[in-house]
Amino acid sequence: MTDKPEHPGEPSITPNHRDYWRANLRLVLRCLAVWFFVSYGCGILFVDVLNQFRIGGFPLGFWFAQQGSILVFMAVIAYYARAMTRLDRAFDVDEE
């Protein structure tokens, strides 16, 4: 990438912008990895192992496939929102 804008009036890309974008991508990839592990891993791949345990009378593998992955996804969204707020503040791009 070049530091010169392609169009007049367009802001240039600074090293701070690149670092912010890389940190953002790392955060998104971590969140997606957790979501993938819980939804695909716990709900499909490891279901037989997890079904040895029970939550509320239901096998744990079934629970992850039905409710657990949704609850974890909601927790990942909440984590992402908090982490992005901290990241925005750290790179001084917050809206406050």
PDB file of N, CA and C in Angstrom:
ATOM      1  N   MET A   1       0.834  -1.174   0.000  1.00  0.00           N
ATOM      2  CA  MET A   1       0.000   0.000   0.000  1.00  0.00           C
ATOM      3  C   MET A   1       0.883   1.243   0.000  1.00  0.00           C
ATOM      4  N   THR A   2       0.349   2.264  -0.506  1.00  0.00           N
ATOM      5  CA  THR A   2       1.078   3.521  -0.563  1.00  0.00           C
ATOM      6  C   THR A   2       0.533   4.479   0.484  1.00  0.00           C
ATOM      7  N   ASP A   3       1.397   5.367   0.944  1.00  0.00           N
ATOM      8  CA  ASP A   3       0.973   6.368   1.908  1.00  0.00           C
ATOM      9  C   ASP A   3       0.358   7.576   1.231  1.00  0.00           C
ATOM     10  N   LYS A   4       0.440   7.648  -0.099  1.00  0.00           N
ATOM     11  CA  LYS A   4      -0.119   8.780  -0.835  1.00  0.00           C
ATOM     12  C   LYS A   4      -1.567   8.484  -1.194  1.00  0.00           C
ATOM     13  N   PRO A   5      -2.441   9.456  -1.014  1.00  0.00           N
ATOM     14  CA  PRO A   5      -3.839   9.226  -1.409  1.00  0.00           C
ATOM     15  C   PRO A   5      -3.967   9.138  -2.919  1.00  0.00           C
ATOM     16  N   GLU A   6      -4.902   8.293  -3.367  1.00  0.00           N
ATOM     17  CA  GLU A   6      -5.129   8.142  -4.800  1.00  0.00           C
ATOM     18  C   GLU A   6      -5.936   9.302  -5.359  1.00  0.00           C
ATOM     19  N   HIS A   7      -6.783   9.880  -4.539  1.00  0.00           N
ATOM     20  CA  HIS A   7      -7.642  10.981  -4.975  1.00  0.00           C
ATOM     21  C   HIS A   7      -7.374  12.197  -4.101  1.00  0.00           C
ATOM     22  N   PRO A   8      -7.418  13.385  -4.680  1.00  0.00           N
ATOM     23  CA  PRO A   8      -7.234  14.588  -3.870  1.00  0.00           C
ATOM     24  C   PRO A   8      -8.315  14.671  -2.785  1.00  0.00           C
ATOM     25  N   GLY A   9      -7.909  15.086  -1.612  1.00  0.00           N
ATOM     26  CA  GLY A   9      -8.834  15.208  -0.496  1.00  0.00           C
ATOM     27  C   GLY A   9      -9.024  13.918   0.285  1.00  0.00           C
ATOM     28  N   GLU A  10      -8.492  12.802  -0.219  1.00  0.00           N
ATOM     29  CA  GLU A  10      -8.594  11.525   0.473  1.00  0.00           C
ATOM     30  C   GLU A  10      -7.479  11.441   1.517  1.00  0.00           C
ATOM     31  N   PRO A  11      -7.774  11.028   2.731  1.00  0.00           N
ATOM     32  CA  PRO A  11      -6.716  10.951   3.744  1.00  0.00           C
ATOM     33  C   PRO A  11      -5.716   9.849   3.412  1.00  0.00           C
ATOM     34  N   SER A  12      -4.484  10.054   3.798  1.00  0.00           N
ATOM     35  CA  SER A  12      -3.457   9.044   3.537  1.00  0.00           C
ATOM     36  C   SER A  12      -3.501   7.972   4.619  1.00  0.00           C
ATOM     37  N   ILE A  13      -3.007   6.800   4.272  1.00  0.00           N
ATOM     38  CA  ILE A  13      -2.947   5.683   5.203  1.00  0.00           C
ATOM     39  C   ILE A  13      -1.652   5.811   6.002  1.00  0.00           C
ATOM     40  N   THR A  14      -1.786   5.933   7.311  1.00  0.00           N
ATOM     41  CA  THR A  14      -0.620   6.072   8.177  1.00  0.00           C
ATOM     42  C   THR A  14      -0.304   4.729   8.823  1.00  0.00           C
ATOM     43  N   PRO A  15       0.889   4.605   9.386  1.00  0.00           N
ATOM     44  CA  PRO A  15       1.201   3.366  10.117  1.00  0.00           C
ATOM     45  C   PRO A  15       0.210   3.109  11.254  1.00  0.00           C
ATOM     46  N   ASN A  16      -0.303   4.172  11.866  1.00  0.00           N
ATOM     47  CA  ASN A  16      -1.302   4.004  12.926  1.00  0.00           C
ATOM     48  C   ASN A  16      -2.570   3.352  12.384  1.00  0.00           C
ATOM     49  N   HIS A  17      -2.984   3.736  11.172  1.00  0.00           N
ATOM     50  CA  HIS A  17      -4.161   3.125  10.553  1.00  0.00           C
ATOM     51  C   HIS A  17      -3.921   1.639  10.280  1.00  0.00           C
ATOM     52  N   ARG A  18      -2.736   1.316   9.793  1.00  0.00           N
ATOM     53  CA  ARG A  18      -2.417  -0.094   9.509  1.00  0.00           C
ATOM     54  C   ARG A  18      -2.412  -0.915  10.792  1.00  0.00           C
ATOM     55  N   ASP A  19      -1.812  -0.374  11.851  1.00  0.00           N
ATOM     56  CA  ASP A  19      -1.763  -1.090  13.129  1.00  0.00           C
ATOM     57  C   ASP A  19      -3.164  -1.294  13.693  1.00  0.00           C
ATOM     58  N   TYR A  20      -3.995  -0.279  13.567  1.00  0.00           N
ATOM     59  CA  TYR A  20      -5.384  -0.378  14.032  1.00  0.00           C
ATOM     60  C   TYR A  20      -6.124  -1.459  13.248  1.00  0.00           C
ATOM     61  N   TRP A  21      -5.968  -1.475  11.944  1.00  0.00           N
ATOM     62  CA  TRP A  21      -6.646  -2.464  11.111  1.00  0.00           C
ATOM     63  C   TRP A  21      -6.156  -3.874  11.422  1.00  0.00           C
ATOM     64  N   ARG A  22      -4.862  -4.041  11.619  1.00  0.00           N
ATOM     65  CA  ARG A  22      -4.322  -5.369  11.968  1.00  0.00           C
ATOM     66  C   ARG A  22      -4.855  -5.836  13.310  1.00  0.00           C
ATOM     67  N   ALA A  23      -4.898  -4.933  14.289  1.00  0.00           N
ATOM     68  CA  ALA A  23      -5.434  -5.296  15.603  1.00  0.00           C
ATOM     69  C   ALA A  23      -6.909  -5.659  15.486  1.00  0.00           C
ATOM     70  N   ASN A  24      -7.644  -4.932  14.665  1.00  0.00           N
ATOM     71  CA  ASN A  24      -9.063  -5.219  14.433  1.00  0.00           C
ATOM     72  C   ASN A  24      -9.226  -6.598  13.798  1.00  0.00           C
ATOM     73  N   LEU A  25      -8.431  -6.905  12.795  1.00  0.00           N
ATOM     74  CA  LEU A  25      -8.517  -8.218  12.142  1.00  0.00           C
ATOM     75  C   LEU A  25      -8.162  -9.353  13.096  1.00  0.00           C
ATOM     76  N   ARG A  26      -7.139  -9.150  13.928  1.00  0.00           N
ATOM     77  CA  ARG A  26      -6.786 -10.181  14.920  1.00  0.00           C
ATOM     78  C   ARG A  26      -7.947 -10.432  15.875  1.00  0.00           C
ATOM     79  N   LEU A  27      -8.594  -9.362  16.317  1.00  0.00           N
ATOM     80  CA  LEU A  27      -9.741  -9.493  17.213  1.00  0.00           C
ATOM     81  C   LEU A  27     -10.875 -10.260  16.534  1.00  0.00           C
ATOM     82  N   VAL A  28     -11.187  -9.914  15.303  1.00  0.00           N
ATOM     83  CA  VAL A  28     -12.263 -10.587  14.567  1.00  0.00           C
ATOM     84  C   VAL A  28     -11.920 -12.067  14.383  1.00  0.00           C
ATOM     85  N   LEU A  29     -10.680 -12.374  14.036  1.00  0.00           N
ATOM     86  CA  LEU A  29     -10.285 -13.771  13.836  1.00  0.00           C
ATOM     87  C   LEU A  29     -10.366 -14.576  15.125  1.00  0.00           C
ATOM     88  N   ARG A  30      -9.985 -13.964  16.249  1.00  0.00           N
ATOM     89  CA  ARG A  30     -10.108 -14.665  17.541  1.00  0.00           C
ATOM     90  C   ARG A  30     -11.573 -14.947  17.854  1.00  0.00           C
ATOM     91  N   CYS A  31     -12.427 -13.966  17.630  1.00  0.00           N
ATOM     92  CA  CYS A  31     -13.861 -14.163  17.887  1.00  0.00           C
ATOM     93  C   CYS A  31     -14.438 -15.247  16.985  1.00  0.00           C
ATOM     94  N   LEU A  32     -14.074 -15.228  15.727  1.00  0.00           N
ATOM     95  CA  LEU A  32     -14.558 -16.256  14.802  1.00  0.00           C
ATOM     96  C   LEU A  32     -14.044 -17.641  15.166  1.00  0.00           C
ATOM     97  N   ALA A  33     -12.814 -17.730  15.654  1.00  0.00           N
ATOM     98  CA  ALA A  33     -12.252 -19.019  16.056  1.00  0.00           C
ATOM     99  C   ALA A  33     -13.025 -19.598  17.243  1.00  0.00           C
ATOM    100  N   VAL A  34     -13.353 -18.762  18.221  1.00  0.00           N
ATOM    101  CA  VAL A  34     -14.135 -19.231  19.371  1.00  0.00           C
ATOM    102  C   VAL A  34     -15.514 -19.681  18.910  1.00  0.00           C
ATOM    103  N   TRP A  35     -16.153 -18.861  18.089  1.00  0.00           N
ATOM    104  CA  TRP A  35     -17.485 -19.199  17.595  1.00  0.00           C
ATOM    105  C   TRP A  35     -17.457 -20.505  16.794  1.00  0.00           C
ATOM    106  N   PHE A  36     -16.464 -20.677  15.919  1.00  0.00           N
ATOM    107  CA  PHE A  36     -16.350 -21.889  15.120  1.00  0.00           C
ATOM    108  C   PHE A  36     -16.135 -23.106  16.014  1.00  0.00           C
ATOM    109  N   PHE A  37     -15.240 -22.980  16.995  1.00  0.00           N
ATOM    110  CA  PHE A  37     -14.961 -24.111  17.882  1.00  0.00           C
ATOM    111  C   PHE A  37     -16.212 -24.534  18.640  1.00  0.00           C
ATOM    112  N   VAL A  38     -16.933 -23.557  19.161  1.00  0.00           N
ATOM    113  CA  VAL A  38     -18.115 -23.892  19.956  1.00  0.00           C
ATOM    114  C   VAL A  38     -19.239 -24.434  19.078  1.00  0.00           C
ATOM    115  N   SER A  39     -19.519 -23.770  17.963  1.00  0.00           N
ATOM    116  CA  SER A  39     -20.654 -24.203  17.146  1.00  0.00           C
ATOM    117  C   SER A  39     -20.356 -25.467  16.358  1.00  0.00           C
ATOM    118  N   TYR A  40     -19.216 -25.525  15.719  1.00  0.00           N
ATOM    119  CA  TYR A  40     -18.900 -26.695  14.893  1.00  0.00           C
ATOM    120  C   TYR A  40     -18.228 -27.791  15.719  1.00  0.00           C
ATOM    121  N   GLY A  41     -17.236 -27.392  16.525  1.00  0.00           N
ATOM    122  CA  GLY A  41     -16.505 -28.377  17.313  1.00  0.00           C
ATOM    123  C   GLY A  41     -17.355 -29.037  18.372  1.00  0.00           C
ATOM    124  N   CYS A  42     -17.934 -28.224  19.260  1.00  0.00           N
ATOM    125  CA  CYS A  42     -18.716 -28.780  20.366  1.00  0.00           C
ATOM    126  C   CYS A  42     -20.072 -29.302  19.909  1.00  0.00           C
ATOM    127  N   GLY A  43     -20.646 -28.709  18.885  1.00  0.00           N
ATOM    128  CA  GLY A  43     -21.965 -29.131  18.431  1.00  0.00           C
ATOM    129  C   GLY A  43     -21.951 -30.294  17.465  1.00  0.00           C
ATOM    130  N   ILE A  44     -20.812 -30.535  16.792  1.00  0.00           N
ATOM    131  CA  ILE A  44     -20.768 -31.597  15.769  1.00  0.00           C
ATOM    132  C   ILE A  44     -19.602 -32.564  15.993  1.00  0.00           C
ATOM    133  N   LEU A  45     -18.369 -32.045  16.033  1.00  0.00           N
ATOM    134  CA  LEU A  45     -17.197 -32.923  16.080  1.00  0.00           C
ATOM    135  C   LEU A  45     -17.041 -33.664  17.404  1.00  0.00           C
ATOM    136  N   PHE A  46     -17.227 -32.961  18.507  1.00  0.00           N
ATOM    137  CA  PHE A  46     -16.981 -33.553  19.826  1.00  0.00           C
ATOM    138  C   PHE A  46     -18.274 -33.930  20.545  1.00  0.00           C
ATOM    139  N   VAL A  47     -19.355 -34.063  19.798  1.00  0.00           N
ATOM    140  CA  VAL A  47     -20.653 -34.307  20.413  1.00  0.00           C
ATOM    141  C   VAL A  47     -20.688 -35.621  21.191  1.00  0.00           C
ATOM    142  N   ASP A  48     -20.053 -36.661  20.701  1.00  0.00           N
ATOM    143  CA  ASP A  48     -20.086 -37.955  21.396  1.00  0.00           C
ATOM    144  C   ASP A  48     -19.364 -37.883  22.739  1.00  0.00           C
ATOM    145  N   VAL A  49     -18.248 -37.177  22.770  1.00  0.00           N
ATOM    146  CA  VAL A  49     -17.506 -37.018  24.025  1.00  0.00           C
ATOM    147  C   VAL A  49     -18.301 -36.158  25.000  1.00  0.00           C
ATOM    148  N   LEU A  50     -18.864 -35.066  24.500  1.00  0.00           N
ATOM    149  CA  LEU A  50     -19.613 -34.151  25.362  1.00  0.00           C
ATOM    150  C   LEU A  50     -20.924 -34.748  25.850  1.00  0.00           C
ATOM    151  N   ASN A  51     -21.506 -35.678  25.104  1.00  0.00           N
ATOM    152  CA  ASN A  51     -22.773 -36.277  25.511  1.00  0.00           C
ATOM    153  C   ASN A  51     -22.639 -37.162  26.743  1.00  0.00           C
ATOM    154  N   GLN A  52     -21.433 -37.426  27.203  1.00  0.00           N
ATOM    155  CA  GLN A  52     -21.227 -38.172  28.438  1.00  0.00           C
ATOM    156  C   GLN A  52     -21.627 -37.332  29.655  1.00  0.00           C
ATOM    157  N   PHE A  53     -21.710 -36.014  29.480  1.00  0.00           N
ATOM    158  CA  PHE A  53     -22.070 -35.094  30.561  1.00  0.00           C
ATOM    159  C   PHE A  53     -23.464 -34.535  30.289  1.00  0.00           C
ATOM    160  N   ARG A  54     -24.134 -34.114  31.349  1.00  0.00           N
ATOM    161  CA  ARG A  54     -25.499 -33.603  31.201  1.00  0.00           C
ATOM    162  C   ARG A  54     -25.635 -32.230  31.848  1.00  0.00           C
ATOM    163  N   ILE A  55     -26.473 -31.392  31.214  1.00  0.00           N
ATOM    164  CA  ILE A  55     -26.853 -30.088  31.766  1.00  0.00           C
ATOM    165  C   ILE A  55     -28.374 -30.040  31.756  1.00  0.00           C
ATOM    166  N   GLY A  56     -28.978 -29.924  32.925  1.00  0.00           N
ATOM    167  CA  GLY A  56     -30.437 -29.858  33.015  1.00  0.00           C
ATOM    168  C   GLY A  56     -31.125 -31.077  32.431  1.00  0.00           C
ATOM    169  N   GLY A  57     -30.485 -32.228  32.496  1.00  0.00           N
ATOM    170  CA  GLY A  57     -31.081 -33.457  31.983  1.00  0.00           C
ATOM    171  C   GLY A  57     -30.801 -33.736  30.514  1.00  0.00           C
ATOM    172  N   PHE A  58     -30.151 -32.789  29.835  1.00  0.00           N
ATOM    173  CA  PHE A  58     -29.852 -32.971  28.409  1.00  0.00           C
ATOM    174  C   PHE A  58     -28.369 -33.249  28.214  1.00  0.00           C
ATOM    175  N   PRO A  59     -28.017 -34.083  27.234  1.00  0.00           N
ATOM    176  CA  PRO A  59     -26.599 -34.317  26.948  1.00  0.00           C
ATOM    177  C   PRO A  59     -25.909 -33.005  26.568  1.00  0.00           C
ATOM    178  N   LEU A  60     -24.675 -32.839  27.018  1.00  0.00           N
ATOM    179  CA  LEU A  60     -23.941 -31.590  26.798  1.00  0.00           C
ATOM    180  C   LEU A  60     -23.731 -31.297  25.311  1.00  0.00           C
ATOM    181  N   GLY A  61     -23.471 -32.300  24.503  1.00  0.00           N
ATOM    182  CA  GLY A  61     -23.304 -32.092  23.061  1.00  0.00           C
ATOM    183  C   GLY A  61     -24.572 -31.567  22.417  1.00  0.00           C
ATOM    184  N   PHE A  62     -25.710 -32.122  22.816  1.00  0.00           N
ATOM    185  CA  PHE A  62     -27.002 -31.635  22.321  1.00  0.00           C
ATOM    186  C   PHE A  62     -27.226 -30.205  22.789  1.00  0.00           C
ATOM    187  N   TRP A  63     -26.890 -29.927  24.049  1.00  0.00           N
ATOM    188  CA  TRP A  63     -27.070 -28.583  24.600  1.00  0.00           C
ATOM    189  C   TRP A  63     -26.260 -27.563  23.806  1.00  0.00           C
ATOM    190  N   PHE A  64     -24.989 -27.889  23.498  1.00  0.00           N
ATOM    191  CA  PHE A  64     -24.165 -26.967  22.705  1.00  0.00           C
ATOM    192  C   PHE A  64     -24.757 -26.766  21.318  1.00  0.00           C
ATOM    193  N   ALA A  65     -25.252 -27.819  20.718  1.00  0.00           N
ATOM    194  CA  ALA A  65     -25.806 -27.702  19.371  1.00  0.00           C
ATOM    195  C   ALA A  65     -27.080 -26.857  19.360  1.00  0.00           C
ATOM    196  N   GLN A  66     -27.861 -26.903  20.439  1.00  0.00           N
ATOM    197  CA  GLN A  66     -29.149 -26.201  20.457  1.00  0.00           C
ATOM    198  C   GLN A  66     -29.069 -24.811  21.088  1.00  0.00           C
ATOM    199  N   GLN A  67     -28.553 -24.708  22.302  1.00  0.00           N
ATOM    200  CA  GLN A  67     -28.535 -23.426  23.001  1.00  0.00           C
ATOM    201  C   GLN A  67     -27.136 -22.885  23.244  1.00  0.00           C
ATOM    202  N   GLY A  68     -26.204 -23.755  23.513  1.00  0.00           N
ATOM    203  CA  GLY A  68     -24.866 -23.322  23.915  1.00  0.00           C
ATOM    204  C   GLY A  68     -24.169 -22.463  22.885  1.00  0.00           C
ATOM    205  N   SER A  69     -24.253 -22.844  21.627  1.00  0.00           N
ATOM    206  CA  SER A  69     -23.570 -22.070  20.598  1.00  0.00           C
ATOM    207  C   SER A  69     -24.200 -20.690  20.442  1.00  0.00           C
ATOM    208  N   ILE A  70     -25.503 -20.584  20.638  1.00  0.00           N
ATOM    209  CA  ILE A  70     -26.169 -19.285  20.548  1.00  0.00           C
ATOM    210  C   ILE A  70     -25.747 -18.397  21.714  1.00  0.00           C
ATOM    211  N   LEU A  71     -25.717 -18.962  22.917  1.00  0.00           N
ATOM    212  CA  LEU A  71     -25.301 -18.182  24.094  1.00  0.00           C
ATOM    213  C   LEU A  71     -23.844 -17.752  23.986  1.00  0.00           C
ATOM    214  N   VAL A  72     -22.991 -18.645  23.514  1.00  0.00           N
ATOM    215  CA  VAL A  72     -21.585 -18.288  23.334  1.00  0.00           C
ATOM    216  C   VAL A  72     -21.449 -17.214  22.259  1.00  0.00           C
ATOM    217  N   PHE A  73     -22.241 -17.300  21.184  1.00  0.00           N
ATOM    218  CA  PHE A  73     -22.201 -16.290  20.138  1.00  0.00           C
ATOM    219  C   PHE A  73     -22.599 -14.924  20.698  1.00  0.00           C
ATOM    220  N   MET A  74     -23.608 -14.882  21.562  1.00  0.00           N
ATOM    221  CA  MET A  74     -23.999 -13.616  22.189  1.00  0.00           C
ATOM    222  C   MET A  74     -22.885 -13.086  23.087  1.00  0.00           C
ATOM    223  N   ALA A  75     -22.196 -13.979  23.799  1.00  0.00           N
ATOM    224  CA  ALA A  75     -21.069 -13.568  24.636  1.00  0.00           C
ATOM    225  C   ALA A  75     -19.919 -13.049  23.775  1.00  0.00           C
ATOM    226  N   VAL A  76     -19.685 -13.674  22.627  1.00  0.00           N
ATOM    227  CA  VAL A  76     -18.638 -13.215  21.713  1.00  0.00           C
ATOM    228  C   VAL A  76     -18.967 -11.816  21.194  1.00  0.00           C
ATOM    229  N   ILE A  77     -20.233 -11.556  20.891  1.00  0.00           N
ATOM    230  CA  ILE A  77     -20.645 -10.226  20.430  1.00  0.00           C
ATOM    231  C   ILE A  77     -20.387  -9.184  21.518  1.00  0.00           C
ATOM    232  N   ALA A  78     -20.755  -9.508  22.763  1.00  0.00           N
ATOM    233  CA  ALA A  78     -20.521  -8.578  23.869  1.00  0.00           C
ATOM    234  C   ALA A  78     -19.025  -8.339  24.070  1.00  0.00           C
ATOM    235  N   TYR A  79     -18.229  -9.409  24.000  1.00  0.00           N
ATOM    236  CA  TYR A  79     -16.780  -9.270  24.130  1.00  0.00           C
ATOM    237  C   TYR A  79     -16.214  -8.393  23.012  1.00  0.00           C
ATOM    238  N   TYR A  80     -16.679  -8.630  21.783  1.00  0.00           N
ATOM    239  CA  TYR A  80     -16.192  -7.858  20.636  1.00  0.00           C
ATOM    240  C   TYR A  80     -16.507  -6.374  20.806  1.00  0.00           C
ATOM    241  N   ALA A  81     -17.700  -6.063  21.266  1.00  0.00           N
ATOM    242  CA  ALA A  81     -18.078  -4.659  21.460  1.00  0.00           C
ATOM    243  C   ALA A  81     -17.180  -3.992  22.502  1.00  0.00           C
ATOM    244  N   ARG A  82     -16.932  -4.672  23.620  1.00  0.00           N
ATOM    245  CA  ARG A  82     -16.043  -4.105  24.654  1.00  0.00           C
ATOM    246  C   ARG A  82     -14.613  -3.988  24.146  1.00  0.00           C
ATOM    247  N   ALA A  83     -14.136  -5.024  23.460  1.00  0.00           N
ATOM    248  CA  ALA A  83     -12.760  -5.008  22.956  1.00  0.00           C
ATOM    249  C   ALA A  83     -12.565  -3.930  21.895  1.00  0.00           C
ATOM    250  N   MET A  84     -13.566  -3.728  21.033  1.00  0.00           N
ATOM    251  CA  MET A  84     -13.454  -2.679  20.012  1.00  0.00           C
ATOM    252  C   MET A  84     -13.452  -1.292  20.652  1.00  0.00           C
ATOM    253  N   THR A  85     -14.206  -1.104  21.722  1.00  0.00           N
ATOM    254  CA  THR A  85     -14.190   0.171  22.434  1.00  0.00           C
ATOM    255  C   THR A  85     -12.799   0.441  22.985  1.00  0.00           C
ATOM    256  N   ARG A  86     -12.189  -0.574  23.598  1.00  0.00           N
ATOM    257  CA  ARG A  86     -10.814  -0.415  24.117  1.00  0.00           C
ATOM    258  C   ARG A  86      -9.830  -0.166  22.976  1.00  0.00           C
ATOM    259  N   LEU A  87      -9.993  -0.887  21.873  1.00  0.00           N
ATOM    260  CA  LEU A  87      -9.104  -0.721  20.727  1.00  0.00           C
ATOM    261  C   LEU A  87      -9.242   0.676  20.123  1.00  0.00           C
ATOM    262  N   ASP A  88     -10.465   1.142  19.993  1.00  0.00           N
ATOM    263  CA  ASP A  88     -10.691   2.496  19.470  1.00  0.00           C
ATOM    264  C   ASP A  88     -10.029   3.551  20.354  1.00  0.00           C
ATOM    265  N   ARG A  89     -10.152   3.377  21.657  1.00  0.00           N
ATOM    266  CA  ARG A  89      -9.512   4.328  22.581  1.00  0.00           C
ATOM    267  C   ARG A  89      -7.992   4.258  22.490  1.00  0.00           C
ATOM    268  N   ALA A  90      -7.472   3.048  22.383  1.00  0.00           N
ATOM    269  CA  ALA A  90      -6.015   2.875  22.324  1.00  0.00           C
ATOM    270  C   ALA A  90      -5.425   3.533  21.080  1.00  0.00           C
ATOM    271  N   PHE A  91      -6.166   3.505  19.969  1.00  0.00           N
ATOM    272  CA  PHE A  91      -5.678   4.095  18.728  1.00  0.00           C
ATOM    273  C   PHE A  91      -6.257   5.495  18.482  1.00  0.00           C
ATOM    274  N   ASP A  92      -6.950   6.019  19.474  1.00  0.00           N
ATOM    275  CA  ASP A  92      -7.509   7.354  19.435  1.00  0.00           C
ATOM    276  C   ASP A  92      -8.429   7.564  18.231  1.00  0.00           C
ATOM    277  N   VAL A  93      -9.302   6.600  17.980  1.00  0.00           N
ATOM    278  CA  VAL A  93     -10.286   6.731  16.919  1.00  0.00           C
ATOM    279  C   VAL A  93     -11.705   6.584  17.464  1.00  0.00           C
ATOM    280  N   ASP A  94     -11.845   6.710  18.782  1.00  0.00           N
ATOM    281  CA  ASP A  94     -13.182   6.596  19.379  1.00  0.00           C
ATOM    282  C   ASP A  94     -14.001   7.831  19.082  1.00  0.00           C
ATOM    283  N   GLU A  95     -15.296   7.684  19.227  1.00  0.00           N
ATOM    284  CA  GLU A  95     -16.217   8.753  18.866  1.00  0.00           C
ATOM    285  C   GLU A  95     -16.548   9.679  20.023  1.00  0.00           C
ATOM    286  N   GLU A  96     -15.984   9.433  21.170  1.00  0.00           N
ATOM    287  CA  GLU A  96     -16.304  10.248  22.345  1.00  0.00           C
ATOM    288  C   GLU A  96     -15.460  11.492  22.413  1.00  0.00           C
TER     289      GLU A  96
END
